[in-house]
């Protein structure tokens, strides 16, 4: 057993659950749905000294219609099923600002500009930024159901720039790029 796990001897104070799913619309379009739920397991006092009971704090859902080839957000909507303040719901209008964005390098920075800060919601922003990985993974599954021809070279591979440097397996000169390069060369 891990040493940190052994130190957990009391009940949880808070949890955040994020769940994401990708649904196929057609060969090049998916809907990606993300859900964030924050729960407080004990009563607390907020910054103004008001008592806040145990229970749900946030329960938010974002749905994105994504065009696979371009990774473009074609449509977007959000729901706030539970929020700490009814006024939070005015930030739902900010979701229109992300329509047209492509999920590529710089996406998180653009999201923060368009739906973050004082005109947006930190929790919607967080959920949307982590959803970008599900968009990518979901589209890989949809597009990978049929065997695609290998590109002529690595430069012709759409979306490769999003993979290179994303983890140890995709480091420059690493395992995945080496295997891909060998497959391309072996086909010639």
Protein backbone atom coordinates (compact mmCIF):
# COMPACT_ATOMS: atom_id res chain seq x y z
CA UNK A 1 0.00 0.00 0.00
CA UNK A 2 1.22 3.52 -0.70
CA UNK A 3 2.41 5.66 2.19
CA UNK A 4 0.01 8.50 1.33
CA UNK A 5 -2.96 6.16 1.08
CA UNK A 6 -2.11 4.86 4.56
CA UNK A 7 -2.37 8.44 5.88
CA UNK A 8 -6.04 8.73 4.83
CA UNK A 9 -7.86 7.96 8.04
CA UNK A 10 -10.82 10.32 7.91
CA UNK A 11 -13.73 10.93 5.56
CA UNK A 12 -13.39 13.04 2.44
CA UNK A 13 -14.00 16.79 2.64
CA UNK A 14 -14.63 17.49 -1.07
CA UNK A 15 -14.72 15.69 -4.41
CA UNK A 16 -14.62 16.77 -8.02
CA UNK A 17 -15.76 14.31 -10.62
CA UNK A 18 -15.31 14.95 -14.32
CA UNK A 19 -16.87 12.59 -16.84
CA UNK A 20 -16.56 12.88 -20.61
CA UNK A 21 -18.01 10.96 -23.53
CA UNK A 22 -17.85 11.25 -27.31
CA UNK A 23 -20.86 10.41 -29.49
CA UNK A 24 -20.70 9.82 -33.25
CA UNK A 25 -22.95 12.05 -35.36
CA UNK A 26 -21.50 11.03 -38.75
CA UNK A 27 -18.13 10.10 -40.27
CA UNK A 28 -16.66 13.54 -39.59
CA UNK A 29 -18.75 14.96 -36.75
CA UNK A 30 -18.97 14.12 -33.07
CA UNK A 31 -20.63 15.50 -29.98
CA UNK A 32 -18.37 15.61 -26.95
CA UNK A 33 -20.13 15.90 -23.61
CA UNK A 34 -18.33 16.85 -20.42
CA UNK A 35 -19.78 16.91 -16.94
CA UNK A 36 -18.24 18.41 -13.80
CA UNK A 37 -19.63 17.80 -10.36
CA UNK A 38 -18.25 19.24 -7.10
CA UNK A 39 -19.55 17.88 -3.80
CA UNK A 40 -18.80 19.13 -0.29
CA UNK A 41 -18.98 16.45 2.41
CA UNK A 42 -19.16 18.75 5.41
CA UNK A 43 -20.66 22.11 6.27
CA UNK A 44 -18.33 25.10 5.94
CA UNK A 45 -18.40 28.88 6.32
CA UNK A 46 -17.84 30.95 3.19
CA UNK A 47 -15.73 34.11 2.89
CA UNK A 48 -18.63 36.24 4.18
CA UNK A 49 -19.12 34.02 7.23
CA UNK A 50 -22.28 32.37 5.90
CA UNK A 51 -22.76 28.68 6.66
CA UNK A 52 -22.79 26.43 3.57
CA UNK A 53 -24.24 22.95 4.08
CA UNK A 54 -22.76 19.72 2.83
CA UNK A 55 -23.96 18.67 -0.61
CA UNK A 56 -23.50 19.55 -4.26
CA UNK A 57 -21.69 22.78 -5.12
CA UNK A 58 -21.40 22.61 -8.90
CA UNK A 59 -23.00 20.34 -11.47
CA UNK A 60 -22.21 21.57 -14.98
CA UNK A 61 -22.53 20.00 -18.42
CA UNK A 62 -20.92 21.18 -21.69
CA UNK A 63 -21.76 19.74 -25.11
CA UNK A 64 -19.63 20.48 -28.17
CA UNK A 65 -20.40 19.67 -31.79
CA UNK A 66 -16.99 19.04 -33.37
CA UNK A 67 -16.01 18.71 -37.01
CA UNK A 68 -13.35 16.00 -36.95
CA UNK A 69 -11.09 16.93 -39.85
CA UNK A 70 -10.56 20.47 -38.62
CA UNK A 71 -11.24 19.86 -34.88
CA UNK A 72 -13.46 22.96 -35.06
CA UNK A 73 -16.20 23.68 -32.52
CA UNK A 74 -19.26 24.00 -34.76
CA UNK A 75 -21.75 24.47 -31.92
CA UNK A 76 -21.60 24.59 -28.13
CA UNK A 77 -24.00 24.60 -25.22
CA UNK A 78 -23.79 24.33 -21.46
CA UNK A 79 -26.14 23.63 -18.60
CA UNK A 80 -25.75 24.56 -14.96
CA UNK A 81 -27.78 21.95 -13.13
CA UNK A 82 -26.53 23.09 -9.73
CA UNK A 83 -24.53 26.21 -8.88
CA UNK A 84 -23.82 28.01 -5.62
CA UNK A 85 -25.46 31.23 -6.87
CA UNK A 86 -28.31 31.61 -9.37
CA UNK A 87 -26.39 34.55 -10.84
CA UNK A 88 -23.73 32.07 -12.06
CA UNK A 89 -26.11 31.12 -14.86
CA UNK A 90 -25.60 34.45 -16.67
CA UNK A 91 -22.18 33.14 -17.72
CA UNK A 92 -23.82 30.48 -19.89
CA UNK A 93 -24.07 33.09 -22.65
CA UNK A 94 -20.27 33.09 -22.93
CA UNK A 95 -20.34 29.63 -24.54
CA UNK A 96 -21.28 31.24 -27.88
CA UNK A 97 -17.80 32.82 -27.85
CA UNK A 98 -16.06 29.48 -28.43
CA UNK A 99 -17.95 28.54 -31.60
CA UNK A 100 -15.45 28.50 -34.46
CA UNK A 101 -12.42 27.72 -32.28
CA UNK A 102 -10.20 24.86 -33.42
CA UNK A 103 -8.77 22.49 -30.87
CA UNK A 104 -5.05 22.88 -31.52
CA UNK A 105 -2.03 24.54 -29.96
CA UNK A 106 -3.09 27.65 -28.03
CA UNK A 107 -6.65 26.36 -27.47
CA UNK A 108 -6.53 26.67 -23.67
CA UNK A 109 -5.27 30.25 -23.88
CA UNK A 110 -8.10 31.14 -26.29
CA UNK A 111 -10.69 29.50 -24.03
CA UNK A 112 -9.50 31.51 -21.05
CA UNK A 113 -9.78 34.71 -23.09
CA UNK A 114 -13.25 33.90 -24.40
CA UNK A 115 -15.06 32.38 -21.39
CA UNK A 116 -12.76 32.92 -18.41
CA UNK A 117 -12.18 35.83 -16.10
CA UNK A 118 -14.79 38.25 -14.84
CA UNK A 119 -17.13 37.74 -17.79
CA UNK A 120 -17.14 33.95 -17.53
CA UNK A 121 -17.07 31.02 -15.15
CA UNK A 122 -13.89 29.41 -13.80
CA UNK A 123 -15.62 26.03 -13.60
CA UNK A 124 -16.93 26.07 -17.18
CA UNK A 125 -13.48 27.20 -18.29
CA UNK A 126 -11.80 24.34 -16.43
CA UNK A 127 -14.22 21.75 -17.79
CA UNK A 128 -13.81 22.98 -21.35
CA UNK A 129 -10.01 22.96 -21.19
CA UNK A 130 -9.89 19.35 -19.98
CA UNK A 131 -12.50 18.38 -22.59
CA UNK A 132 -10.02 19.23 -25.34
CA UNK A 133 -8.24 15.94 -24.62
CA UNK A 134 -11.51 14.00 -24.90
CA UNK A 135 -12.25 15.70 -28.22
CA UNK A 136 -8.90 14.53 -29.53
CA UNK A 137 -9.23 10.99 -28.13
CA UNK A 138 -12.83 10.63 -29.30
CA UNK A 139 -12.00 11.73 -32.83
CA UNK A 140 -9.06 9.32 -32.96
CA UNK A 141 -11.46 6.49 -32.10
CA UNK A 142 -14.06 7.59 -34.67
CA UNK A 143 -11.49 8.11 -37.43
CA UNK A 144 -9.61 4.94 -36.49
CA UNK A 145 -12.48 2.53 -37.02
CA UNK A 146 -11.35 2.08 -40.62
CA UNK A 147 -7.71 1.55 -41.48
CA UNK A 148 -6.42 4.78 -43.00
CA UNK A 149 -3.58 4.84 -45.51
CA UNK A 150 -0.23 5.92 -44.13
CA UNK A 151 0.83 9.44 -45.08
CA UNK A 152 3.65 9.90 -47.58
CA UNK A 153 5.75 11.41 -44.80
CA UNK A 154 5.33 12.72 -41.25
CA UNK A 155 4.79 16.29 -42.48
CA UNK A 156 1.58 15.18 -44.23
CA UNK A 157 0.05 13.72 -41.06
CA UNK A 158 -2.83 15.96 -39.87
CA UNK A 159 -2.82 16.57 -36.13
CA UNK A 160 0.66 15.20 -35.51
CA UNK A 161 1.70 18.55 -34.03
CA UNK A 162 -0.80 17.93 -31.22
CA UNK A 163 0.82 14.60 -30.37
CA UNK A 164 4.53 15.43 -30.55
CA UNK A 165 5.75 16.33 -27.09
CA UNK A 166 2.41 15.48 -25.45
CA UNK A 167 3.89 12.61 -23.41
CA UNK A 168 6.93 10.33 -23.12
CA UNK A 169 5.68 8.03 -25.90
CA UNK A 170 5.35 10.96 -28.32
CA UNK A 171 8.65 12.68 -27.55
CA UNK A 172 10.72 13.67 -30.60
CA UNK A 173 12.68 10.57 -31.62
CA UNK A 174 10.63 8.48 -29.20
CA UNK A 175 8.73 5.22 -29.47
CA UNK A 176 5.57 6.32 -31.34
CA UNK A 177 7.32 8.58 -33.87
CA UNK A 178 9.99 5.94 -34.53
CA UNK A 179 7.34 3.26 -35.15
CA UNK A 180 5.35 5.57 -37.40
CA UNK A 181 8.44 6.53 -39.41
CA UNK A 182 9.38 2.84 -39.82
CA UNK A 183 5.84 2.01 -41.02
CA UNK A 184 6.00 4.82 -43.60
CA UNK A 185 9.46 3.72 -44.80
CA UNK A 186 8.40 0.05 -44.87
CA UNK A 187 5.51 0.85 -47.17
CA UNK A 188 7.72 2.47 -49.79
